[in-house]
Amino acid sequence: MQIEEMLTKLYGPMLTVAQLAKVLDRSTKGLTISLLRADSDWARAINAAKLKIGRRVYFRTPDIARFLSGE
């Protein structure tokens, strides 16, 4: 999986909100608002990859790569 390898090499096994926003070419604040509303298919798919550790929010890189590749 080429996308997953590239994202893992750049960001590691987890993406922060800022890193995910950069990958999706969106502002951090705009991405956060879009994900909170979660009334679209893409927001549900990305929220499924979300992992909260304490107050921090991370996204699993393999799940984001699958979303980006259309799987």
N, C-alpha and C. Protein backbone atom coordinates (compact mmCIF):
# COMPACT_ATOMS: atom_id res chain seq x y z
N MET A 1 0.84 -1.18 0.00
CA MET A 1 0.00 0.00 0.00
C MET A 1 0.89 1.24 0.00
N GLN A 2 0.93 1.90 -1.08
CA GLN A 2 1.87 3.01 -1.27
C GLN A 2 1.52 4.24 -0.41
N ILE A 3 0.24 4.57 -0.30
CA ILE A 3 -0.16 5.74 0.48
C ILE A 3 0.17 5.53 1.95
N GLU A 4 -0.13 4.34 2.45
CA GLU A 4 0.14 4.05 3.86
C GLU A 4 1.62 4.13 4.16
N GLU A 5 2.44 3.60 3.28
CA GLU A 5 3.89 3.64 3.49
C GLU A 5 4.39 5.07 3.53
N MET A 6 3.90 5.91 2.63
CA MET A 6 4.32 7.30 2.57
C MET A 6 3.90 8.06 3.83
N LEU A 7 2.64 7.89 4.24
CA LEU A 7 2.16 8.58 5.44
C LEU A 7 2.88 8.10 6.69
N THR A 8 3.12 6.80 6.78
CA THR A 8 3.83 6.26 7.95
C THR A 8 5.26 6.79 8.00
N LYS A 9 5.89 6.88 6.86
CA LYS A 9 7.26 7.38 6.82
C LYS A 9 7.31 8.86 7.24
N LEU A 10 6.32 9.65 6.81
CA LEU A 10 6.30 11.07 7.14
C LEU A 10 5.84 11.36 8.56
N TYR A 11 4.78 10.66 9.01
CA TYR A 11 4.14 11.03 10.27
C TYR A 11 4.14 9.95 11.34
N GLY A 12 4.44 8.72 10.99
CA GLY A 12 4.41 7.65 11.97
C GLY A 12 3.06 6.95 11.99
N PRO A 13 2.81 6.12 13.00
CA PRO A 13 1.60 5.30 13.03
C PRO A 13 0.32 6.10 13.35
N MET A 14 0.47 7.31 13.87
CA MET A 14 -0.68 8.14 14.21
C MET A 14 -0.48 9.54 13.67
N LEU A 15 -1.59 10.14 13.23
CA LEU A 15 -1.57 11.52 12.74
C LEU A 15 -2.27 12.41 13.76
N THR A 16 -1.73 13.60 13.98
CA THR A 16 -2.42 14.59 14.79
C THR A 16 -3.45 15.29 13.90
N VAL A 17 -4.29 16.11 14.50
CA VAL A 17 -5.28 16.86 13.72
C VAL A 17 -4.56 17.79 12.74
N ALA A 18 -3.50 18.43 13.19
CA ALA A 18 -2.76 19.35 12.32
C ALA A 18 -2.13 18.61 11.14
N GLN A 19 -1.58 17.43 11.39
CA GLN A 19 -0.98 16.64 10.32
C GLN A 19 -2.04 16.16 9.33
N LEU A 20 -3.18 15.71 9.84
CA LEU A 20 -4.26 15.26 8.98
C LEU A 20 -4.78 16.42 8.13
N ALA A 21 -4.89 17.59 8.73
CA ALA A 21 -5.33 18.78 7.98
C ALA A 21 -4.35 19.09 6.85
N LYS A 22 -3.08 18.95 7.12
CA LYS A 22 -2.07 19.19 6.08
C LYS A 22 -2.21 18.17 4.95
N VAL A 23 -2.43 16.90 5.29
CA VAL A 23 -2.60 15.85 4.28
C VAL A 23 -3.83 16.13 3.42
N LEU A 24 -4.91 16.58 4.05
CA LEU A 24 -6.15 16.84 3.33
C LEU A 24 -6.22 18.25 2.73
N ASP A 25 -5.18 19.05 2.93
CA ASP A 25 -5.09 20.42 2.43
C ASP A 25 -6.25 21.27 2.94
N ARG A 26 -6.46 21.20 4.24
CA ARG A 26 -7.51 21.98 4.89
C ARG A 26 -6.90 22.68 6.09
N SER A 27 -7.59 23.69 6.60
CA SER A 27 -7.12 24.34 7.82
C SER A 27 -7.46 23.44 9.00
N THR A 28 -6.70 23.55 10.04
CA THR A 28 -6.93 22.72 11.23
C THR A 28 -8.30 23.00 11.82
N LYS A 29 -8.64 24.25 11.93
CA LYS A 29 -9.93 24.62 12.51
C LYS A 29 -11.09 24.16 11.63
N GLY A 30 -10.96 24.33 10.32
CA GLY A 30 -12.00 23.90 9.40
C GLY A 30 -12.21 22.39 9.44
N LEU A 31 -11.11 21.64 9.53
CA LEU A 31 -11.21 20.18 9.62
C LEU A 31 -11.89 19.77 10.92
N THR A 32 -11.52 20.39 12.01
CA THR A 32 -12.11 20.06 13.30
C THR A 32 -13.62 20.31 13.29
N ILE A 33 -14.04 21.43 12.75
CA ILE A 33 -15.47 21.74 12.67
C ILE A 33 -16.20 20.74 11.78
N SER A 34 -15.61 20.39 10.65
CA SER A 34 -16.22 19.42 9.74
C SER A 34 -16.37 18.05 10.40
N LEU A 35 -15.38 17.64 11.16
CA LEU A 35 -15.43 16.34 11.81
C LEU A 35 -16.42 16.31 12.97
N LEU A 36 -16.63 17.43 13.62
CA LEU A 36 -17.58 17.48 14.72
C LEU A 36 -19.01 17.36 14.22
N ARG A 37 -19.28 17.89 13.06
CA ARG A 37 -20.64 17.81 12.51
C ARG A 37 -20.97 16.40 12.03
N ALA A 38 -20.02 15.72 11.46
CA ALA A 38 -20.07 14.29 11.10
C ALA A 38 -21.36 13.85 10.39
N ASP A 39 -21.93 14.71 9.54
CA ASP A 39 -23.13 14.31 8.82
C ASP A 39 -22.83 13.92 7.37
N SER A 40 -21.57 13.70 7.06
CA SER A 40 -21.19 13.28 5.72
C SER A 40 -20.43 11.95 5.80
N ASP A 41 -20.38 11.25 4.68
CA ASP A 41 -19.70 9.94 4.65
C ASP A 41 -18.22 10.06 4.96
N TRP A 42 -17.56 11.08 4.40
CA TRP A 42 -16.12 11.21 4.61
C TRP A 42 -15.81 11.54 6.07
N ALA A 43 -16.66 12.35 6.71
CA ALA A 43 -16.42 12.69 8.12
C ALA A 43 -16.60 11.45 9.00
N ARG A 44 -17.60 10.62 8.70
CA ARG A 44 -17.80 9.39 9.46
C ARG A 44 -16.61 8.44 9.31
N ALA A 45 -16.08 8.36 8.08
CA ALA A 45 -14.93 7.47 7.83
C ALA A 45 -13.69 7.95 8.59
N ILE A 46 -13.47 9.24 8.61
CA ILE A 46 -12.30 9.77 9.31
C ILE A 46 -12.49 9.67 10.82
N ASN A 47 -13.70 9.94 11.30
CA ASN A 47 -13.97 9.81 12.74
C ASN A 47 -13.82 8.37 13.22
N ALA A 48 -14.04 7.41 12.36
CA ALA A 48 -13.85 6.01 12.73
C ALA A 48 -12.38 5.70 13.01
N ALA A 49 -11.48 6.49 12.43
CA ALA A 49 -10.05 6.30 12.63
C ALA A 49 -9.53 7.08 13.84
N LYS A 50 -10.41 7.80 14.52
CA LYS A 50 -10.01 8.67 15.63
C LYS A 50 -9.70 7.86 16.88
N LEU A 51 -8.70 8.31 17.60
CA LEU A 51 -8.30 7.70 18.87
C LEU A 51 -7.94 8.83 19.83
N LYS A 52 -8.63 8.87 20.97
CA LYS A 52 -8.33 9.89 21.98
C LYS A 52 -7.44 9.29 23.04
N ILE A 53 -6.35 9.97 23.32
CA ILE A 53 -5.45 9.58 24.41
C ILE A 53 -5.36 10.80 25.32
N GLY A 54 -6.04 10.72 26.44
CA GLY A 54 -6.14 11.89 27.32
C GLY A 54 -6.94 12.96 26.62
N ARG A 55 -6.36 14.13 26.50
CA ARG A 55 -7.03 15.23 25.80
C ARG A 55 -6.63 15.31 24.33
N ARG A 56 -5.67 14.53 23.94
CA ARG A 56 -5.16 14.58 22.56
C ARG A 56 -5.96 13.67 21.64
N VAL A 57 -6.10 14.11 20.40
CA VAL A 57 -6.82 13.34 19.39
C VAL A 57 -5.84 12.93 18.31
N TYR A 58 -5.83 11.66 17.99
CA TYR A 58 -4.98 11.11 16.94
C TYR A 58 -5.85 10.33 15.95
N PHE A 59 -5.28 10.11 14.78
CA PHE A 59 -5.96 9.33 13.75
C PHE A 59 -5.02 8.23 13.29
N ARG A 60 -5.53 7.01 13.20
CA ARG A 60 -4.70 5.87 12.80
C ARG A 60 -4.29 6.01 11.34
N THR A 61 -3.00 6.00 11.08
CA THR A 61 -2.47 6.18 9.73
C THR A 61 -2.99 5.13 8.75
N PRO A 62 -3.02 3.83 9.09
CA PRO A 62 -3.53 2.85 8.12
C PRO A 62 -4.99 3.10 7.71
N ASP A 63 -5.81 3.54 8.67
CA ASP A 63 -7.22 3.82 8.37
C ASP A 63 -7.35 5.04 7.45
N ILE A 64 -6.55 6.06 7.69
CA ILE A 64 -6.58 7.26 6.85
C ILE A 64 -6.09 6.91 5.45
N ALA A 65 -5.07 6.07 5.35
CA ALA A 65 -4.55 5.65 4.03
C ALA A 65 -5.62 4.88 3.26
N ARG A 66 -6.37 4.00 3.94
CA ARG A 66 -7.45 3.28 3.27
C ARG A 66 -8.52 4.23 2.78
N PHE A 67 -8.84 5.24 3.60
CA PHE A 67 -9.83 6.24 3.18
C PHE A 67 -9.35 7.00 1.95
N LEU A 68 -8.10 7.41 1.96
CA LEU A 68 -7.56 8.18 0.83
C LEU A 68 -7.46 7.36 -0.44
N SER A 69 -7.24 6.07 -0.31
CA SER A 69 -7.14 5.21 -1.49
C SER A 69 -8.51 4.76 -1.99
N GLY A 70 -9.57 5.09 -1.24
CA GLY A 70 -10.92 4.77 -1.69
C GLY A 70 -11.40 3.38 -1.32
N GLU A 71 -10.74 2.75 -0.40
CA GLU A 71 -11.16 1.39 0.02
C GLU A 71 -12.27 1.46 1.04
